[in-house]
């Protein structure tokens, strides 16, 4: 059997045991997320294959990078991906639900990141693992934000990717949890197409929101300069 894996410039991610494969949402979030030299600890909520944690290991000097994954197949694959990466000594994955982890852990993280399930129940399937990975009912936004509020350090940052139509809802839900959005990147497929995704950064401080847009392709398989510049440290094709 050939192992299904996605090859980046500095590491590879096996994802054949994960309900959700490596995709553009995760790559965009992992490259855009505003980590900085003072970031010492990172948590990836709903780690899946571990791609976000691996990307942030490449981009940061954080000596503690934890993943959290509830699905056993994805968890085991995440552990393997961590162990086979150049940053194995800094990466660890926990097999637990977000609620369990939040209730049991006292640690505060400088940076939390998540590519959460966000399809609604109208589109659920008969595949339990896929539902857990894809659908918001498995990890509702309000539960995610409540956990982030408890797990994030005072000066920490939380980054997430959501459908554009959920952007306003998440801003309001963030405020209810004293988390304030200060940075947004809106993503279009092509220059004049509809906005599909919003990459959002939150903190406990109220600051003016900086909003930018990016489109991925000029035309089929011809990528925009902004997309290339954002992802060139990872994608082999750039």
Protein backbone atom coordinates (compact mmCIF):
# COMPACT_ATOMS: atom_id res chain seq x y z
CA UNK A 1 0.00 0.00 0.00
CA UNK A 2 1.35 3.43 -0.98
CA UNK A 3 1.16 5.93 1.88
CA UNK A 4 -0.84 8.99 0.92
CA UNK A 5 1.22 12.04 1.86
CA UNK A 6 1.54 15.70 0.99
CA UNK A 7 5.10 16.90 0.47
CA UNK A 8 6.17 20.38 1.52
CA UNK A 9 9.64 21.93 1.22
CA UNK A 10 10.80 21.00 4.72
CA UNK A 11 8.43 18.22 5.79
CA UNK A 12 5.77 15.81 4.58
CA UNK A 13 2.29 15.15 5.96
CA UNK A 14 0.69 11.72 5.67
CA UNK A 15 -3.09 12.14 5.72
CA UNK A 16 -4.58 8.88 4.45
CA UNK A 17 -6.03 8.08 7.90
CA UNK A 18 -7.56 11.54 8.35
CA UNK A 19 -11.12 12.37 7.37
CA UNK A 20 -10.01 15.81 6.21
CA UNK A 21 -7.03 15.91 3.89
CA UNK A 22 -4.41 18.63 3.63
CA UNK A 23 -6.08 21.57 1.87
CA UNK A 24 -5.68 25.21 0.94
CA UNK A 25 -7.52 26.48 4.03
CA UNK A 26 -4.92 24.97 6.36
CA UNK A 27 -1.96 26.09 4.25
CA UNK A 28 -3.24 29.66 4.09
CA UNK A 29 -3.91 29.75 7.83
CA UNK A 30 -0.54 28.24 8.67
CA UNK A 31 1.34 30.78 6.55
CA UNK A 32 -0.73 33.84 7.53
CA UNK A 33 -0.99 33.25 11.28
CA UNK A 34 0.94 36.09 13.04
CA UNK A 35 3.42 34.18 15.18
CA UNK A 36 6.44 36.16 16.39
CA UNK A 37 9.79 35.60 18.16
CA UNK A 38 8.19 35.95 21.60
CA UNK A 39 5.80 33.04 20.95
CA UNK A 40 6.94 30.26 23.29
CA UNK A 41 3.94 27.91 23.31
CA UNK A 42 1.40 26.93 20.65
CA UNK A 43 -1.78 24.83 20.64
CA UNK A 44 -3.42 23.44 17.48
CA UNK A 45 -7.07 22.60 18.27
CA UNK A 46 -8.44 19.83 16.05
CA UNK A 47 -4.98 19.02 14.74
CA UNK A 48 -6.00 16.36 12.21
CA UNK A 49 -2.84 15.38 10.34
CA UNK A 50 -0.88 17.97 12.33
CA UNK A 51 -0.27 20.26 9.38
CA UNK A 52 -0.83 23.56 11.24
CA UNK A 53 1.40 22.57 14.15
CA UNK A 54 4.11 21.49 11.69
CA UNK A 55 3.87 24.75 9.75
CA UNK A 56 4.15 26.80 12.92
CA UNK A 57 7.10 24.66 14.05
CA UNK A 58 8.85 25.69 10.83
CA UNK A 59 7.88 29.36 11.22
CA UNK A 60 8.53 29.88 14.95
CA UNK A 61 10.99 29.22 17.74
CA UNK A 62 8.30 28.01 20.13
CA UNK A 63 9.67 25.19 22.28
CA UNK A 64 6.21 23.80 23.13
CA UNK A 65 3.84 22.99 20.27
CA UNK A 66 0.85 20.83 21.18
CA UNK A 67 -1.83 19.33 18.98
CA UNK A 68 -5.26 18.24 20.19
CA UNK A 69 -7.22 15.64 18.22
CA UNK A 70 -10.28 13.60 19.22
CA UNK A 71 -10.44 11.12 16.30
CA UNK A 72 -8.19 8.15 17.06
CA UNK A 73 -7.12 7.52 13.45
CA UNK A 74 -6.18 11.16 12.89
CA UNK A 75 -4.51 11.34 16.31
CA UNK A 76 -2.26 8.35 15.56
CA UNK A 77 -1.34 9.77 12.16
CA UNK A 78 -0.62 13.18 13.70
CA UNK A 79 1.76 11.55 16.21
CA UNK A 80 3.60 9.80 13.37
CA UNK A 81 3.85 13.01 11.36
CA UNK A 82 5.24 14.82 14.38
CA UNK A 83 7.77 12.07 15.11
CA UNK A 84 9.03 12.04 11.51
CA UNK A 85 9.36 15.82 11.22
CA UNK A 86 12.53 17.90 11.80
CA UNK A 87 10.91 19.36 14.94
CA UNK A 88 9.90 16.14 16.75
CA UNK A 89 11.39 17.35 20.04
CA UNK A 90 9.01 20.35 20.11
CA UNK A 91 5.78 18.65 19.00
CA UNK A 92 3.27 16.58 21.00
CA UNK A 93 -0.30 15.50 20.30
CA UNK A 94 -3.01 14.79 22.88
CA UNK A 95 -5.91 12.42 22.21
CA UNK A 96 -8.87 14.10 23.91
CA UNK A 97 -11.93 16.24 23.31
CA UNK A 98 -11.58 19.99 23.58
CA UNK A 99 -13.89 20.02 26.62
CA UNK A 100 -11.84 17.37 28.42
CA UNK A 101 -8.58 19.10 27.61
CA UNK A 102 -9.84 22.52 28.69
CA UNK A 103 -11.15 21.19 31.99
CA UNK A 104 -8.03 19.21 32.85
CA UNK A 105 -5.16 21.43 31.69
CA UNK A 106 -3.88 24.50 33.54
CA UNK A 107 -1.39 25.56 30.88
CA UNK A 108 -1.72 28.90 29.07
CA UNK A 109 -0.60 29.13 25.44
CA UNK A 110 0.88 32.18 23.72
CA UNK A 111 -0.70 31.18 20.43
CA UNK A 112 -3.73 29.03 19.60
CA UNK A 113 -4.73 28.05 16.08
CA UNK A 114 -7.63 26.06 14.67
CA UNK A 115 -9.08 24.96 11.34
CA UNK A 116 -12.40 23.94 12.88
CA UNK A 117 -15.32 21.98 11.42
CA UNK A 118 -17.78 24.50 10.03
CA UNK A 119 -20.28 22.82 7.71
CA UNK A 120 -23.78 22.75 9.20
CA UNK A 121 -25.85 19.67 9.96
CA UNK A 122 -27.79 19.94 6.68
CA UNK A 123 -24.79 18.38 4.96
CA UNK A 124 -23.84 15.67 7.43
CA UNK A 125 -22.90 12.23 6.12
CA UNK A 126 -22.96 8.68 7.46
CA UNK A 127 -19.19 8.80 8.06
CA UNK A 128 -18.70 9.62 11.76
CA UNK A 129 -15.03 10.59 11.43
CA UNK A 130 -15.75 12.85 8.48
CA UNK A 131 -18.63 14.49 10.35
CA UNK A 132 -16.38 15.16 13.33
CA UNK A 133 -13.76 16.73 11.07
CA UNK A 134 -16.11 18.75 8.87
CA UNK A 135 -19.23 19.77 10.76
CA UNK A 136 -19.65 22.55 13.28
CA UNK A 137 -21.86 20.44 15.56
CA UNK A 138 -18.73 18.45 16.48
CA UNK A 139 -17.08 21.59 17.91
CA UNK A 140 -19.48 24.56 18.00
CA UNK A 141 -17.85 27.97 17.66
CA UNK A 142 -19.09 29.08 21.09
CA UNK A 143 -17.43 26.07 22.77
CA UNK A 144 -14.24 26.71 20.82
CA UNK A 145 -14.11 30.35 21.92
CA UNK A 146 -14.87 29.52 25.56
CA UNK A 147 -11.97 27.07 25.60
CA UNK A 148 -9.67 29.55 23.88
CA UNK A 149 -10.53 32.17 26.49
CA UNK A 150 -9.37 29.79 29.23
CA UNK A 151 -6.30 28.39 27.45
CA UNK A 152 -4.89 31.60 25.93
CA UNK A 153 -2.25 33.63 27.77
CA UNK A 154 -2.93 37.28 28.63
CA UNK A 155 -1.04 38.64 25.62
CA UNK A 156 -1.76 35.65 23.38
CA UNK A 157 -3.25 35.37 19.89
CA UNK A 158 -5.91 33.04 18.52
CA UNK A 159 -6.22 32.38 14.78
CA UNK A 160 -8.97 30.57 12.92
CA UNK A 161 -10.35 30.07 9.41
CA UNK A 162 -14.12 30.16 8.82
CA UNK A 163 -16.54 30.59 5.90
CA UNK A 164 -16.86 34.29 5.01
CA UNK A 165 -20.56 34.21 5.93
CA UNK A 166 -19.62 33.24 9.50
CA UNK A 167 -17.21 36.16 9.95
CA UNK A 168 -19.64 38.59 11.63
CA UNK A 169 -21.03 35.85 13.88
CA UNK A 170 -17.55 34.92 15.07
CA UNK A 171 -16.66 38.56 15.76
CA UNK A 172 -19.74 38.90 17.99
CA UNK A 173 -19.19 35.55 19.71
CA UNK A 174 -15.60 36.55 20.31
CA UNK A 175 -16.70 39.74 22.08
CA UNK A 176 -18.96 37.68 24.34
CA UNK A 177 -15.82 35.80 25.41
CA UNK A 178 -13.67 38.98 25.72
CA UNK A 179 -11.79 38.00 22.55
CA UNK A 180 -11.52 40.79 20.02
CA UNK A 181 -10.81 40.38 16.32
CA UNK A 182 -8.00 42.65 15.12
CA UNK A 183 -6.91 41.10 11.82
CA UNK A 184 -8.81 39.51 8.92
CA UNK A 185 -7.70 38.09 5.59
CA UNK A 186 -10.58 37.45 3.18
CA UNK A 187 -9.95 34.85 0.50
CA UNK A 188 -11.34 34.67 -3.04
CA UNK A 189 -10.69 31.93 -5.56
CA UNK A 190 -10.20 34.40 -8.41
CA UNK A 191 -10.02 38.21 -8.41
CA UNK A 192 -13.69 38.87 -9.12
CA UNK A 193 -15.19 35.76 -7.54
CA UNK A 194 -17.08 35.72 -4.25
CA UNK A 195 -15.23 35.72 -0.95
CA UNK A 196 -15.08 32.13 0.32
CA UNK A 197 -13.06 32.21 3.56
CA UNK A 198 -12.08 34.55 6.35
CA UNK A 199 -8.83 34.06 8.24
CA UNK A 200 -9.22 35.80 11.61
CA UNK A 201 -6.92 36.75 14.49
CA UNK A 202 -8.21 37.46 18.02
CA UNK A 203 -6.68 38.69 21.26
CA UNK A 204 -7.83 40.03 24.63
CA UNK A 205 -6.95 43.59 23.56
CA UNK A 206 -9.29 45.88 21.64
CA UNK A 207 -7.55 47.20 18.54
CA UNK A 208 -8.76 48.49 15.17
CA UNK A 209 -9.49 45.63 12.79
CA UNK A 210 -7.09 45.40 9.85
CA UNK A 211 -8.81 43.80 6.85
CA UNK A 212 -7.06 42.59 3.71
CA UNK A 213 -8.07 40.44 0.75
CA UNK A 214 -6.28 37.87 -1.36
CA UNK A 215 -7.25 35.86 -4.42
CA UNK A 216 -5.59 32.58 -5.28
CA UNK A 217 -5.62 32.30 -9.07
CA UNK A 218 -5.42 34.69 -12.00
CA UNK A 219 -6.78 31.83 -14.08
CA UNK A 220 -6.75 28.04 -13.83
CA UNK A 221 -3.34 26.95 -12.43
CA UNK A 222 -1.92 30.47 -12.78
CA UNK A 223 -1.48 31.70 -9.22
CA UNK A 224 -1.57 35.27 -7.94
CA UNK A 225 1.60 36.96 -6.69
CA UNK A 226 0.08 37.42 -3.23
CA UNK A 227 -0.74 33.73 -2.94
CA UNK A 228 2.73 32.71 -4.13
CA UNK A 229 4.43 35.12 -1.72
CA UNK A 230 2.32 33.90 1.18
CA UNK A 231 2.94 30.19 0.62
CA UNK A 232 6.33 29.97 -1.14
CA UNK A 233 8.17 28.80 1.98
CA UNK A 234 6.03 25.64 1.94
CA UNK A 235 4.71 24.69 -1.50
CA UNK A 236 7.17 22.82 -3.73
CA UNK A 237 5.60 24.38 -6.83
CA UNK A 238 6.64 27.93 -5.85
